[in-house]
Amino acid sequence: MFRTVVWWSAAGFFTASYSRVLMRLPIFYKPQLHVALTALGAYVGVYCSDTEDRFNAWANHVYEVPEDAPLWIQKKLKARIDKVDLLNKIAEELPEEMKMTPYWEKRLESAMEQK
């Protein structure tokens, strides 16, 4: 949460500073604009963080299997969880040459081989 709030606050502060640079005014000409945009960024950061927490709680609730649920619902939810576990297991067991590496990693490896 803290990282999200700091990131959005810094984005608000940067927006205020950069807008002053574009208008060719002193950076801290009217500091209340910096305070307002930093506070707005902090609010957006807190809201985004809370939204992530609510989504994670909802996702965990969706995959809970109630004990008093009908048997077909229990089987369906268990099948979904087993499918996700199977896909994760398959992804872990792939040979190294089958795994996809990001483009920047490939460039780094080729640069290291050239040295």
PDB file of N, CA and C in Angstrom:
ATOM      1  N   MET A   1       0.821  -1.184   0.000  1.00  0.00           N
ATOM      2  CA  MET A   1       0.000   0.000   0.000  1.00  0.00           C
ATOM      3  C   MET A   1       0.866   1.249   0.000  1.00  0.00           C
ATOM      4  N   PHE A   2       1.885   1.247   0.842  1.00  0.00           N
ATOM      5  CA  PHE A   2       2.716   2.436   0.989  1.00  0.00           C
ATOM      6  C   PHE A   2       3.395   2.815  -0.334  1.00  0.00           C
ATOM      7  N   ARG A   3       3.863   1.794  -1.056  1.00  0.00           N
ATOM      8  CA  ARG A   3       4.538   2.054  -2.320  1.00  0.00           C
ATOM      9  C   ARG A   3       3.589   2.679  -3.330  1.00  0.00           C
ATOM     10  N   THR A   4       2.343   2.202  -3.376  1.00  0.00           N
ATOM     11  CA  THR A   4       1.359   2.752  -4.302  1.00  0.00           C
ATOM     12  C   THR A   4       1.058   4.206  -3.979  1.00  0.00           C
ATOM     13  N   VAL A   5       0.883   4.505  -2.709  1.00  0.00           N
ATOM     14  CA  VAL A   5       0.569   5.877  -2.297  1.00  0.00           C
ATOM     15  C   VAL A   5       1.740   6.803  -2.609  1.00  0.00           C
ATOM     16  N   VAL A   6       2.953   6.371  -2.318  1.00  0.00           N
ATOM     17  CA  VAL A   6       4.117   7.209  -2.589  1.00  0.00           C
ATOM     18  C   VAL A   6       4.263   7.447  -4.091  1.00  0.00           C
ATOM     19  N   TRP A   7       4.031   6.401  -4.887  1.00  0.00           N
ATOM     20  CA  TRP A   7       4.163   6.547  -6.338  1.00  0.00           C
ATOM     21  C   TRP A   7       3.169   7.569  -6.879  1.00  0.00           C
ATOM     22  N   TRP A   8       1.916   7.460  -6.470  1.00  0.00           N
ATOM     23  CA  TRP A   8       0.903   8.405  -6.968  1.00  0.00           C
ATOM     24  C   TRP A   8       1.138   9.818  -6.436  1.00  0.00           C
ATOM     25  N   SER A   9       1.620   9.934  -5.196  1.00  0.00           N
ATOM     26  CA  SER A   9       1.935  11.256  -4.656  1.00  0.00           C
ATOM     27  C   SER A   9       3.081  11.893  -5.434  1.00  0.00           C
ATOM     28  N   ALA A  10       4.091  11.102  -5.729  1.00  0.00           N
ATOM     29  CA  ALA A  10       5.220  11.618  -6.515  1.00  0.00           C
ATOM     30  C   ALA A  10       4.754  12.011  -7.916  1.00  0.00           C
ATOM     31  N   ALA A  11       3.823  11.253  -8.478  1.00  0.00           N
ATOM     32  CA  ALA A  11       3.290  11.607  -9.799  1.00  0.00           C
ATOM     33  C   ALA A  11       2.570  12.948  -9.750  1.00  0.00           C
ATOM     34  N   GLY A  12       1.813  13.202  -8.693  1.00  0.00           N
ATOM     35  CA  GLY A  12       1.139  14.490  -8.540  1.00  0.00           C
ATOM     36  C   GLY A  12       2.128  15.630  -8.382  1.00  0.00           C
ATOM     37  N   PHE A  13       3.162  15.414  -7.586  1.00  0.00           N
ATOM     38  CA  PHE A  13       4.182  16.447  -7.387  1.00  0.00           C
ATOM     39  C   PHE A  13       4.934  16.720  -8.691  1.00  0.00           C
ATOM     40  N   PHE A  14       5.261  15.657  -9.423  1.00  0.00           N
ATOM     41  CA  PHE A  14       5.958  15.822 -10.703  1.00  0.00           C
ATOM     42  C   PHE A  14       5.082  16.583 -11.699  1.00  0.00           C
ATOM     43  N   THR A  15       3.783  16.292 -11.713  1.00  0.00           N
ATOM     44  CA  THR A  15       2.875  16.994 -12.624  1.00  0.00           C
ATOM     45  C   THR A  15       2.860  18.487 -12.325  1.00  0.00           C
ATOM     46  N   ALA A  16       2.795  18.833 -11.054  1.00  0.00           N
ATOM     47  CA  ALA A  16       2.792  20.251 -10.688  1.00  0.00           C
ATOM     48  C   ALA A  16       4.115  20.914 -11.065  1.00  0.00           C
ATOM     49  N   SER A  17       5.214  20.252 -10.801  1.00  0.00           N
ATOM     50  CA  SER A  17       6.522  20.832 -11.120  1.00  0.00           C
ATOM     51  C   SER A  17       6.721  20.956 -12.620  1.00  0.00           C
ATOM     52  N   TYR A  18       6.356  19.933 -13.366  1.00  0.00           N
ATOM     53  CA  TYR A  18       6.566  19.946 -14.808  1.00  0.00           C
ATOM     54  C   TYR A  18       5.666  20.974 -15.495  1.00  0.00           C
ATOM     55  N   SER A  19       4.459  21.149 -14.970  1.00  0.00           N
ATOM     56  CA  SER A  19       3.582  22.162 -15.567  1.00  0.00           C
ATOM     57  C   SER A  19       4.175  23.564 -15.373  1.00  0.00           C
ATOM     58  N   ARG A  20       4.838  23.792 -14.238  1.00  0.00           N
ATOM     59  CA  ARG A  20       5.497  25.077 -14.010  1.00  0.00           C
ATOM     60  C   ARG A  20       6.675  25.268 -14.972  1.00  0.00           C
ATOM     61  N   VAL A  21       7.405  24.206 -15.225  1.00  0.00           N
ATOM     62  CA  VAL A  21       8.535  24.299 -16.151  1.00  0.00           C
ATOM     63  C   VAL A  21       8.027  24.611 -17.562  1.00  0.00           C
ATOM     64  N   LEU A  22       6.939  23.966 -17.961  1.00  0.00           N
ATOM     65  CA  LEU A  22       6.382  24.215 -19.293  1.00  0.00           C
ATOM     66  C   LEU A  22       5.874  25.647 -19.447  1.00  0.00           C
ATOM     67  N   MET A  23       5.340  26.213 -18.360  1.00  0.00           N
ATOM     68  CA  MET A  23       4.847  27.588 -18.421  1.00  0.00           C
ATOM     69  C   MET A  23       5.956  28.610 -18.200  1.00  0.00           C
ATOM     70  N   ARG A  24       7.191  28.123 -18.015  1.00  0.00           N
ATOM     71  CA  ARG A  24       8.361  28.976 -17.790  1.00  0.00           C
ATOM     72  C   ARG A  24       8.191  29.891 -16.569  1.00  0.00           C
ATOM     73  N   LEU A  25       7.633  29.315 -15.541  1.00  0.00           N
ATOM     74  CA  LEU A  25       7.519  30.010 -14.260  1.00  0.00           C
ATOM     75  C   LEU A  25       8.496  29.367 -13.288  1.00  0.00           C
ATOM     76  N   PRO A  26       8.823  30.030 -12.196  1.00  0.00           N
ATOM     77  CA  PRO A  26       9.635  29.367 -11.172  1.00  0.00           C
ATOM     78  C   PRO A  26       8.908  28.104 -10.678  1.00  0.00           C
ATOM     79  N   ILE A  27       9.686  27.079 -10.396  1.00  0.00           N
ATOM     80  CA  ILE A  27       9.079  25.783 -10.060  1.00  0.00           C
ATOM     81  C   ILE A  27       8.149  25.891  -8.854  1.00  0.00           C
ATOM     82  N   PHE A  28       8.532  26.607  -7.822  1.00  0.00           N
ATOM     83  CA  PHE A  28       7.700  26.716  -6.628  1.00  0.00           C
ATOM     84  C   PHE A  28       7.021  28.085  -6.556  1.00  0.00           C
ATOM     85  N   TYR A  29       6.523  28.555  -7.692  1.00  0.00           N
ATOM     86  CA  TYR A  29       5.864  29.866  -7.768  1.00  0.00           C
ATOM     87  C   TYR A  29       4.635  29.917  -6.869  1.00  0.00           C
ATOM     88  N   LYS A  30       3.750  28.958  -7.016  1.00  0.00           N
ATOM     89  CA  LYS A  30       2.584  28.863  -6.136  1.00  0.00           C
ATOM     90  C   LYS A  30       2.597  27.459  -5.524  1.00  0.00           C
ATOM     91  N   PRO A  31       3.123  27.315  -4.331  1.00  0.00           N
ATOM     92  CA  PRO A  31       3.281  25.980  -3.749  1.00  0.00           C
ATOM     93  C   PRO A  31       1.956  25.285  -3.433  1.00  0.00           C
ATOM     94  N   GLN A  32       0.862  26.053  -3.345  1.00  0.00           N
ATOM     95  CA  GLN A  32      -0.417  25.392  -3.057  1.00  0.00           C
ATOM     96  C   GLN A  32      -0.818  24.433  -4.187  1.00  0.00           C
ATOM     97  N   LEU A  33      -0.363  24.688  -5.422  1.00  0.00           N
ATOM     98  CA  LEU A  33      -0.638  23.767  -6.523  1.00  0.00           C
ATOM     99  C   LEU A  33       0.088  22.445  -6.286  1.00  0.00           C
ATOM    100  N   HIS A  34       1.329  22.509  -5.808  1.00  0.00           N
ATOM    101  CA  HIS A  34       2.079  21.288  -5.507  1.00  0.00           C
ATOM    102  C   HIS A  34       1.398  20.494  -4.394  1.00  0.00           C
ATOM    103  N   VAL A  35       0.973  21.209  -3.363  1.00  0.00           N
ATOM    104  CA  VAL A  35       0.308  20.536  -2.239  1.00  0.00           C
ATOM    105  C   VAL A  35      -0.993  19.894  -2.704  1.00  0.00           C
ATOM    106  N   ALA A  36      -1.762  20.610  -3.510  1.00  0.00           N
ATOM    107  CA  ALA A  36      -3.051  20.087  -3.977  1.00  0.00           C
ATOM    108  C   ALA A  36      -2.862  18.854  -4.859  1.00  0.00           C
ATOM    109  N   LEU A  37      -1.934  18.919  -5.809  1.00  0.00           N
ATOM    110  CA  LEU A  37      -1.736  17.775  -6.692  1.00  0.00           C
ATOM    111  C   LEU A  37      -1.084  16.593  -5.976  1.00  0.00           C
ATOM    112  N   THR A  38      -0.214  16.865  -5.017  1.00  0.00           N
ATOM    113  CA  THR A  38       0.361  15.774  -4.230  1.00  0.00           C
ATOM    114  C   THR A  38      -0.720  15.106  -3.382  1.00  0.00           C
ATOM    115  N   ALA A  39      -1.613  15.913  -2.788  1.00  0.00           N
ATOM    116  CA  ALA A  39      -2.724  15.340  -2.001  1.00  0.00           C
ATOM    117  C   ALA A  39      -3.668  14.547  -2.897  1.00  0.00           C
ATOM    118  N   LEU A  40      -3.935  15.065  -4.092  1.00  0.00           N
ATOM    119  CA  LEU A  40      -4.786  14.332  -5.033  1.00  0.00           C
ATOM    120  C   LEU A  40      -4.137  13.011  -5.422  1.00  0.00           C
ATOM    121  N   GLY A  41      -2.825  13.041  -5.654  1.00  0.00           N
ATOM    122  CA  GLY A  41      -2.108  11.805  -5.969  1.00  0.00           C
ATOM    123  C   GLY A  41      -2.147  10.811  -4.819  1.00  0.00           C
ATOM    124  N   ALA A  42      -2.017  11.305  -3.592  1.00  0.00           N
ATOM    125  CA  ALA A  42      -2.094  10.420  -2.421  1.00  0.00           C
ATOM    126  C   ALA A  42      -3.486   9.805  -2.310  1.00  0.00           C
ATOM    127  N   TYR A  43      -4.517  10.591  -2.581  1.00  0.00           N
ATOM    128  CA  TYR A  43      -5.887  10.067  -2.522  1.00  0.00           C
ATOM    129  C   TYR A  43      -6.080   8.980  -3.572  1.00  0.00           C
ATOM    130  N   VAL A  44      -5.605   9.225  -4.783  1.00  0.00           N
ATOM    131  CA  VAL A  44      -5.729   8.213  -5.841  1.00  0.00           C
ATOM    132  C   VAL A  44      -4.948   6.961  -5.465  1.00  0.00           C
ATOM    133  N   GLY A  45      -3.764   7.130  -4.868  1.00  0.00           N
ATOM    134  CA  GLY A  45      -2.969   5.980  -4.442  1.00  0.00           C
ATOM    135  C   GLY A  45      -3.665   5.158  -3.376  1.00  0.00           C
ATOM    136  N   VAL A  46      -4.262   5.822  -2.398  1.00  0.00           N
ATOM    137  CA  VAL A  46      -4.998   5.098  -1.347  1.00  0.00           C
ATOM    138  C   VAL A  46      -6.199   4.379  -1.957  1.00  0.00           C
ATOM    139  N   TYR A  47      -6.896   5.045  -2.885  1.00  0.00           N
ATOM    140  CA  TYR A  47      -8.062   4.425  -3.520  1.00  0.00           C
ATOM    141  C   TYR A  47      -7.649   3.204  -4.343  1.00  0.00           C
ATOM    142  N   CYS A  48      -6.551   3.314  -5.099  1.00  0.00           N
ATOM    143  CA  CYS A  48      -6.078   2.172  -5.892  1.00  0.00           C
ATOM    144  C   CYS A  48      -5.664   1.016  -4.977  1.00  0.00           C
ATOM    145  N   SER A  49      -4.983   1.322  -3.904  1.00  0.00           N
ATOM    146  CA  SER A  49      -4.550   0.282  -2.979  1.00  0.00           C
ATOM    147  C   SER A  49      -5.751  -0.410  -2.333  1.00  0.00           C
ATOM    148  N   ASP A  50      -6.741   0.378  -1.923  1.00  0.00           N
ATOM    149  CA  ASP A  50      -7.951  -0.214  -1.343  1.00  0.00           C
ATOM    150  C   ASP A  50      -8.701  -1.061  -2.368  1.00  0.00           C
ATOM    151  N   THR A  51      -8.719  -0.608  -3.622  1.00  0.00           N
ATOM    152  CA  THR A  51      -9.375  -1.379  -4.677  1.00  0.00           C
ATOM    153  C   THR A  51      -8.672  -2.716  -4.879  1.00  0.00           C
ATOM    154  N   GLU A  52      -7.338  -2.716  -4.857  1.00  0.00           N
ATOM    155  CA  GLU A  52      -6.594  -3.973  -4.972  1.00  0.00           C
ATOM    156  C   GLU A  52      -6.915  -4.904  -3.806  1.00  0.00           C
ATOM    157  N   ASP A  53      -6.972  -4.361  -2.601  1.00  0.00           N
ATOM    158  CA  ASP A  53      -7.289  -5.182  -1.430  1.00  0.00           C
ATOM    159  C   ASP A  53      -8.699  -5.759  -1.526  1.00  0.00           C
ATOM    160  N   ARG A  54      -9.661  -4.919  -1.965  1.00  0.00           N
ATOM    161  CA  ARG A  54     -11.031  -5.415  -2.117  1.00  0.00           C
ATOM    162  C   ARG A  54     -11.112  -6.497  -3.182  1.00  0.00           C
ATOM    163  N   PHE A  55     -10.386  -6.330  -4.285  1.00  0.00           N
ATOM    164  CA  PHE A  55     -10.400  -7.337  -5.340  1.00  0.00           C
ATOM    165  C   PHE A  55      -9.802  -8.649  -4.847  1.00  0.00           C
ATOM    166  N   ASN A  56      -8.681  -8.579  -4.119  1.00  0.00           N
ATOM    167  CA  ASN A  56      -8.066  -9.802  -3.601  1.00  0.00           C
ATOM    168  C   ASN A  56      -8.995 -10.508  -2.616  1.00  0.00           C
ATOM    169  N   ALA A  57      -9.671  -9.752  -1.767  1.00  0.00           N
ATOM    170  CA  ALA A  57     -10.618 -10.360  -0.832  1.00  0.00           C
ATOM    171  C   ALA A  57     -11.773 -11.004  -1.584  1.00  0.00           C
ATOM    172  N   TRP A  58     -12.259 -10.319  -2.627  1.00  0.00           N
ATOM    173  CA  TRP A  58     -13.348 -10.874  -3.436  1.00  0.00           C
ATOM    174  C   TRP A  58     -12.908 -12.143  -4.155  1.00  0.00           C
ATOM    175  N   ALA A  59     -11.686 -12.133  -4.725  1.00  0.00           N
ATOM    176  CA  ALA A  59     -11.197 -13.313  -5.446  1.00  0.00           C
ATOM    177  C   ALA A  59     -11.033 -14.495  -4.498  1.00  0.00           C
ATOM    178  N   ASN A  60     -10.546 -14.246  -3.285  1.00  0.00           N
ATOM    179  CA  ASN A  60     -10.435 -15.331  -2.309  1.00  0.00           C
ATOM    180  C   ASN A  60     -11.814 -15.845  -1.904  1.00  0.00           C
ATOM    181  N   HIS A  61     -12.776 -14.939  -1.813  1.00  0.00           N
ATOM    182  CA  HIS A  61     -14.135 -15.345  -1.451  1.00  0.00           C
ATOM    183  C   HIS A  61     -14.773 -16.170  -2.561  1.00  0.00           C
ATOM    184  N   VAL A  62     -14.497 -15.830  -3.808  1.00  0.00           N
ATOM    185  CA  VAL A  62     -15.088 -16.553  -4.934  1.00  0.00           C
ATOM    186  C   VAL A  62     -14.631 -18.006  -4.946  1.00  0.00           C
ATOM    187  N   TYR A  63     -13.361 -18.247  -4.612  1.00  0.00           N
ATOM    188  CA  TYR A  63     -12.833 -19.611  -4.679  1.00  0.00           C
ATOM    189  C   TYR A  63     -13.001 -20.394  -3.384  1.00  0.00           C
ATOM    190  N   GLU A  64     -13.677 -19.822  -2.396  1.00  0.00           N
ATOM    191  CA  GLU A  64     -13.990 -20.594  -1.194  1.00  0.00           C
ATOM    192  C   GLU A  64     -15.093 -21.593  -1.519  1.00  0.00           C
ATOM    193  N   VAL A  65     -14.958 -22.779  -0.999  1.00  0.00           N
ATOM    194  CA  VAL A  65     -15.983 -23.794  -1.209  1.00  0.00           C
ATOM    195  C   VAL A  65     -16.769 -23.934   0.085  1.00  0.00           C
ATOM    196  N   PRO A  66     -18.020 -23.466   0.100  1.00  0.00           N
ATOM    197  CA  PRO A  66     -18.809 -23.599   1.331  1.00  0.00           C
ATOM    198  C   PRO A  66     -19.124 -25.072   1.618  1.00  0.00           C
ATOM    199  N   GLU A  67     -19.148 -25.394   2.897  1.00  0.00           N
ATOM    200  CA  GLU A  67     -19.389 -26.789   3.272  1.00  0.00           C
ATOM    201  C   GLU A  67     -20.834 -27.212   3.012  1.00  0.00           C
ATOM    202  N   ASP A  68     -21.759 -26.263   3.077  1.00  0.00           N
ATOM    203  CA  ASP A  68     -23.157 -26.618   2.882  1.00  0.00           C
ATOM    204  C   ASP A  68     -23.620 -26.425   1.434  1.00  0.00           C
ATOM    205  N   ALA A  69     -22.677 -26.180   0.524  1.00  0.00           N
ATOM    206  CA  ALA A  69     -23.038 -25.998  -0.882  1.00  0.00           C
ATOM    207  C   ALA A  69     -23.411 -27.346  -1.502  1.00  0.00           C
ATOM    208  N   PRO A  70     -24.246 -27.314  -2.551  1.00  0.00           N
ATOM    209  CA  PRO A  70     -24.557 -28.567  -3.224  1.00  0.00           C
ATOM    210  C   PRO A  70     -23.284 -29.230  -3.761  1.00  0.00           C
ATOM    211  N   LEU A  71     -23.348 -30.523  -3.920  1.00  0.00           N
ATOM    212  CA  LEU A  71     -22.173 -31.294  -4.313  1.00  0.00           C
ATOM    213  C   LEU A  71     -21.646 -30.877  -5.680  1.00  0.00           C
ATOM    214  N   TRP A  72     -22.525 -30.541  -6.620  1.00  0.00           N
ATOM    215  CA  TRP A  72     -22.062 -30.187  -7.963  1.00  0.00           C
ATOM    216  C   TRP A  72     -21.290 -28.861  -7.952  1.00  0.00           C
ATOM    217  N   ILE A  73     -21.675 -27.937  -7.048  1.00  0.00           N
ATOM    218  CA  ILE A  73     -20.940 -26.672  -6.937  1.00  0.00           C
ATOM    219  C   ILE A  73     -19.572 -26.932  -6.312  1.00  0.00           C
ATOM    220  N   GLN A  74     -19.523 -27.782  -5.300  1.00  0.00           N
ATOM    221  CA  GLN A  74     -18.246 -28.111  -4.679  1.00  0.00           C
ATOM    222  C   GLN A  74     -17.299 -28.725  -5.705  1.00  0.00           C
ATOM    223  N   LYS A  75     -17.827 -29.641  -6.539  1.00  0.00           N
ATOM    224  CA  LYS A  75     -16.982 -30.279  -7.554  1.00  0.00           C
ATOM    225  C   LYS A  75     -16.514 -29.275  -8.599  1.00  0.00           C
ATOM    226  N   LYS A  76     -17.414 -28.363  -8.993  1.00  0.00           N
ATOM    227  CA  LYS A  76     -17.057 -27.376 -10.017  1.00  0.00           C
ATOM    228  C   LYS A  76     -15.956 -26.440  -9.511  1.00  0.00           C
ATOM    229  N   LEU A  77     -16.088 -25.933  -8.287  1.00  0.00           N
ATOM    230  CA  LEU A  77     -15.073 -25.045  -7.731  1.00  0.00           C
ATOM    231  C   LEU A  77     -13.751 -25.775  -7.510  1.00  0.00           C
ATOM    232  N   LYS A  78     -13.838 -27.022  -7.060  1.00  0.00           N
ATOM    233  CA  LYS A  78     -12.613 -27.806  -6.867  1.00  0.00           C
ATOM    234  C   LYS A  78     -11.939 -28.065  -8.205  1.00  0.00           C
ATOM    235  N   ALA A  79     -12.706 -28.287  -9.258  1.00  0.00           N
ATOM    236  CA  ALA A  79     -12.121 -28.499 -10.580  1.00  0.00           C
ATOM    237  C   ALA A  79     -11.401 -27.245 -11.073  1.00  0.00           C
ATOM    238  N   ARG A  80     -11.988 -26.074 -10.807  1.00  0.00           N
ATOM    239  CA  ARG A  80     -11.324 -24.814 -11.210  1.00  0.00           C
ATOM    240  C   ARG A  80      -9.994 -24.644 -10.493  1.00  0.00           C
ATOM    241  N   ILE A  81      -9.997 -24.893  -9.185  1.00  0.00           N
ATOM    242  CA  ILE A  81      -8.770 -24.746  -8.408  1.00  0.00           C
ATOM    243  C   ILE A  81      -7.725 -25.759  -8.872  1.00  0.00           C
ATOM    244  N   ASP A  82      -8.160 -27.001  -9.141  1.00  0.00           N
ATOM    245  CA  ASP A  82      -7.230 -28.024  -9.624  1.00  0.00           C
ATOM    246  C   ASP A  82      -6.654 -27.649 -10.988  1.00  0.00           C
ATOM    247  N   LYS A  83      -7.479 -27.035 -11.843  1.00  0.00           N
ATOM    248  CA  LYS A  83      -7.004 -26.622 -13.165  1.00  0.00           C
ATOM    249  C   LYS A  83      -5.922 -25.556 -13.038  1.00  0.00           C
ATOM    250  N   VAL A  84      -6.135 -24.579 -12.162  1.00  0.00           N
ATOM    251  CA  VAL A  84      -5.130 -23.530 -11.952  1.00  0.00           C
ATOM    252  C   VAL A  84      -3.852 -24.136 -11.392  1.00  0.00           C
ATOM    253  N   ASP A  85      -3.983 -25.055 -10.424  1.00  0.00           N
ATOM    254  CA  ASP A  85      -2.799 -25.704  -9.857  1.00  0.00           C
ATOM    255  C   ASP A  85      -2.043 -26.504 -10.904  1.00  0.00           C
ATOM    256  N   LEU A  86      -2.780 -27.192 -11.781  1.00  0.00           N
ATOM    257  CA  LEU A  86      -2.149 -27.976 -12.833  1.00  0.00           C
ATOM    258  C   LEU A  86      -1.396 -27.077 -13.810  1.00  0.00           C
ATOM    259  N   LEU A  87      -2.008 -25.965 -14.202  1.00  0.00           N
ATOM    260  CA  LEU A  87      -1.336 -25.041 -15.119  1.00  0.00           C
ATOM    261  C   LEU A  87      -0.075 -24.452 -14.488  1.00  0.00           C
ATOM    262  N   ASN A  88      -0.137 -24.134 -13.198  1.00  0.00           N
ATOM    263  CA  ASN A  88       1.054 -23.627 -12.516  1.00  0.00           C
ATOM    264  C   ASN A  88       2.149 -24.688 -12.450  1.00  0.00           C
ATOM    265  N   LYS A  89       1.744 -25.935 -12.213  1.00  0.00           N
ATOM    266  CA  LYS A  89       2.721 -27.028 -12.146  1.00  0.00           C
ATOM    267  C   LYS A  89       3.369 -27.256 -13.502  1.00  0.00           C
ATOM    268  N   ILE A  90       2.575 -27.214 -14.576  1.00  0.00           N
ATOM    269  CA  ILE A  90       3.117 -27.390 -15.926  1.00  0.00           C
ATOM    270  C   ILE A  90       4.096 -26.270 -16.249  1.00  0.00           C
ATOM    271  N   ALA A  91       3.752 -25.040 -15.874  1.00  0.00           N
ATOM    272  CA  ALA A  91       4.633 -23.907 -16.151  1.00  0.00           C
ATOM    273  C   ALA A  91       5.965 -24.041 -15.415  1.00  0.00           C
ATOM    274  N   GLU A  92       5.944 -24.616 -14.216  1.00  0.00           N
ATOM    275  CA  GLU A  92       7.177 -24.791 -13.461  1.00  0.00           C
ATOM    276  C   GLU A  92       8.046 -25.902 -14.038  1.00  0.00           C
ATOM    277  N   GLU A  93       7.420 -26.923 -14.663  1.00  0.00           N
ATOM    278  CA  GLU A  93       8.163 -28.084 -15.142  1.00  0.00           C
ATOM    279  C   GLU A  93       8.655 -27.950 -16.575  1.00  0.00           C
ATOM    280  N   LEU A  94       8.399 -26.822 -17.220  1.00  0.00           N
ATOM    281  CA  LEU A  94       8.871 -26.644 -18.592  1.00  0.00           C
ATOM    282  C   LEU A  94      10.390 -26.639 -18.625  1.00  0.00           C
ATOM    283  N   PRO A  95      10.970 -27.235 -19.672  1.00  0.00           N
ATOM    284  CA  PRO A  95      12.428 -27.132 -19.796  1.00  0.00           C
ATOM    285  C   PRO A  95      12.846 -25.687 -20.045  1.00  0.00           C
ATOM    286  N   GLU A  96      14.082 -25.402 -19.760  1.00  0.00           N
ATOM    287  CA  GLU A  96      14.574 -24.025 -19.857  1.00  0.00           C
ATOM    288  C   GLU A  96      14.430 -23.452 -21.263  1.00  0.00           C
ATOM    289  N   GLU A  97      14.659 -24.284 -22.287  1.00  0.00           N
ATOM    290  CA  GLU A  97      14.581 -23.754 -23.651  1.00  0.00           C
ATOM    291  C   GLU A  97      13.147 -23.489 -24.092  1.00  0.00           C
ATOM    292  N   MET A  98      12.168 -24.059 -23.383  1.00  0.00           N
ATOM    293  CA  MET A  98      10.760 -23.832 -23.728  1.00  0.00           C
ATOM    294  C   MET A  98      10.205 -22.588 -23.044  1.00  0.00           C
ATOM    295  N   LYS A  99      10.828 -22.185 -21.953  1.00  0.00           N
ATOM    296  CA  LYS A  99      10.327 -21.022 -21.233  1.00  0.00           C
ATOM    297  C   LYS A  99      10.621 -19.767 -22.035  1.00  0.00           C
ATOM    298  N   MET A 100       9.671 -18.853 -22.023  1.00  0.00           N
ATOM    299  CA  MET A 100       9.861 -17.604 -22.746  1.00  0.00           C
ATOM    300  C   MET A 100      10.653 -16.640 -21.871  1.00  0.00           C
ATOM    301  N   THR A 101      11.681 -16.076 -22.444  1.00  0.00           N
ATOM    302  CA  THR A 101      12.448 -15.070 -21.720  1.00  0.00           C
ATOM    303  C   THR A 101      12.120 -13.706 -22.294  1.00  0.00           C
ATOM    304  N   PRO A 102      12.072 -12.699 -21.466  1.00  0.00           N
ATOM    305  CA  PRO A 102      11.777 -11.358 -21.975  1.00  0.00           C
ATOM    306  C   PRO A 102      12.849 -10.897 -22.964  1.00  0.00           C
ATOM    307  N   TYR A 103      12.452  -9.970 -23.811  1.00  0.00           N
ATOM    308  CA  TYR A 103      13.334  -9.473 -24.866  1.00  0.00           C
ATOM    309  C   TYR A 103      14.610  -8.872 -24.308  1.00  0.00           C
ATOM    310  N   TRP A 104      14.494  -8.098 -23.224  1.00  0.00           N
ATOM    311  CA  TRP A 104      15.687  -7.462 -22.661  1.00  0.00           C
ATOM    312  C   TRP A 104      16.650  -8.492 -22.112  1.00  0.00           C
ATOM    313  N   GLU A 105      16.112  -9.620 -21.592  1.00  0.00           N
ATOM    314  CA  GLU A 105      16.980 -10.672 -21.080  1.00  0.00           C
ATOM    315  C   GLU A 105      17.740 -11.335 -22.211  1.00  0.00           C
ATOM    316  N   LYS A 106      17.058 -11.543 -23.357  1.00  0.00           N
ATOM    317  CA  LYS A 106      17.725 -12.135 -24.512  1.00  0.00           C
ATOM    318  C   LYS A 106      18.854 -11.228 -24.994  1.00  0.00           C
ATOM    319  N   ARG A 107      18.606  -9.933 -25.015  1.00  0.00           N
ATOM    320  CA  ARG A 107      19.639  -8.992 -25.447  1.00  0.00           C
ATOM    321  C   ARG A 107      20.817  -9.011 -24.482  1.00  0.00           C
ATOM    322  N   LEU A 108      20.524  -9.102 -23.194  1.00  0.00           N
ATOM    323  CA  LEU A 108      21.590  -9.145 -22.199  1.00  0.00           C
ATOM    324  C   LEU A 108      22.421 -10.414 -22.358  1.00  0.00           C
ATOM    325  N   GLU A 109      21.737 -11.552 -22.572  1.00  0.00           N
ATOM    326  CA  GLU A 109      22.465 -12.816 -22.742  1.00  0.00           C
ATOM    327  C   GLU A 109      23.333 -12.784 -23.992  1.00  0.00           C
ATOM    328  N   SER A 110      22.805 -12.239 -25.095  1.00  0.00           N
ATOM    329  CA  SER A 110      23.600 -12.197 -26.325  1.00  0.00           C
ATOM    330  C   SER A 110      24.786 -11.243 -26.163  1.00  0.00           C
ATOM    331  N   ALA A 111      24.602 -10.162 -25.417  1.00  0.00           N
ATOM    332  CA  ALA A 111      25.721  -9.246 -25.171  1.00  0.00           C
ATOM    333  C   ALA A 111      26.792  -9.906 -24.314  1.00  0.00           C
ATOM    334  N   MET A 112      26.371 -10.701 -23.347  1.00  0.00           N
ATOM    335  CA  MET A 112      27.339 -11.402 -22.485  1.00  0.00           C
ATOM    336  C   MET A 112      28.095 -12.453 -23.293  1.00  0.00           C
ATOM    337  N   GLU A 113      27.429 -13.111 -24.241  1.00  0.00           N
ATOM    338  CA  GLU A 113      28.103 -14.121 -25.055  1.00  0.00           C
ATOM    339  C   GLU A 113      29.127 -13.489 -25.978  1.00  0.00           C
ATOM    340  N   GLN A 114      28.871 -12.272 -26.430  1.00  0.00           N
ATOM    341  CA  GLN A 114      29.799 -11.612 -27.334  1.00  0.00           C
ATOM    342  C   GLN A 114      31.083 -11.179 -26.626  1.00  0.00           C
ATOM    343  N   LYS A 115      31.014 -10.961 -25.327  1.00  0.00           N
ATOM    344  CA  LYS A 115      32.197 -10.518 -24.576  1.00  0.00           C
ATOM    345  C   LYS A 115      33.159 -11.610 -24.401  1.00  0.00           C
TER     346      LYS A 115
END
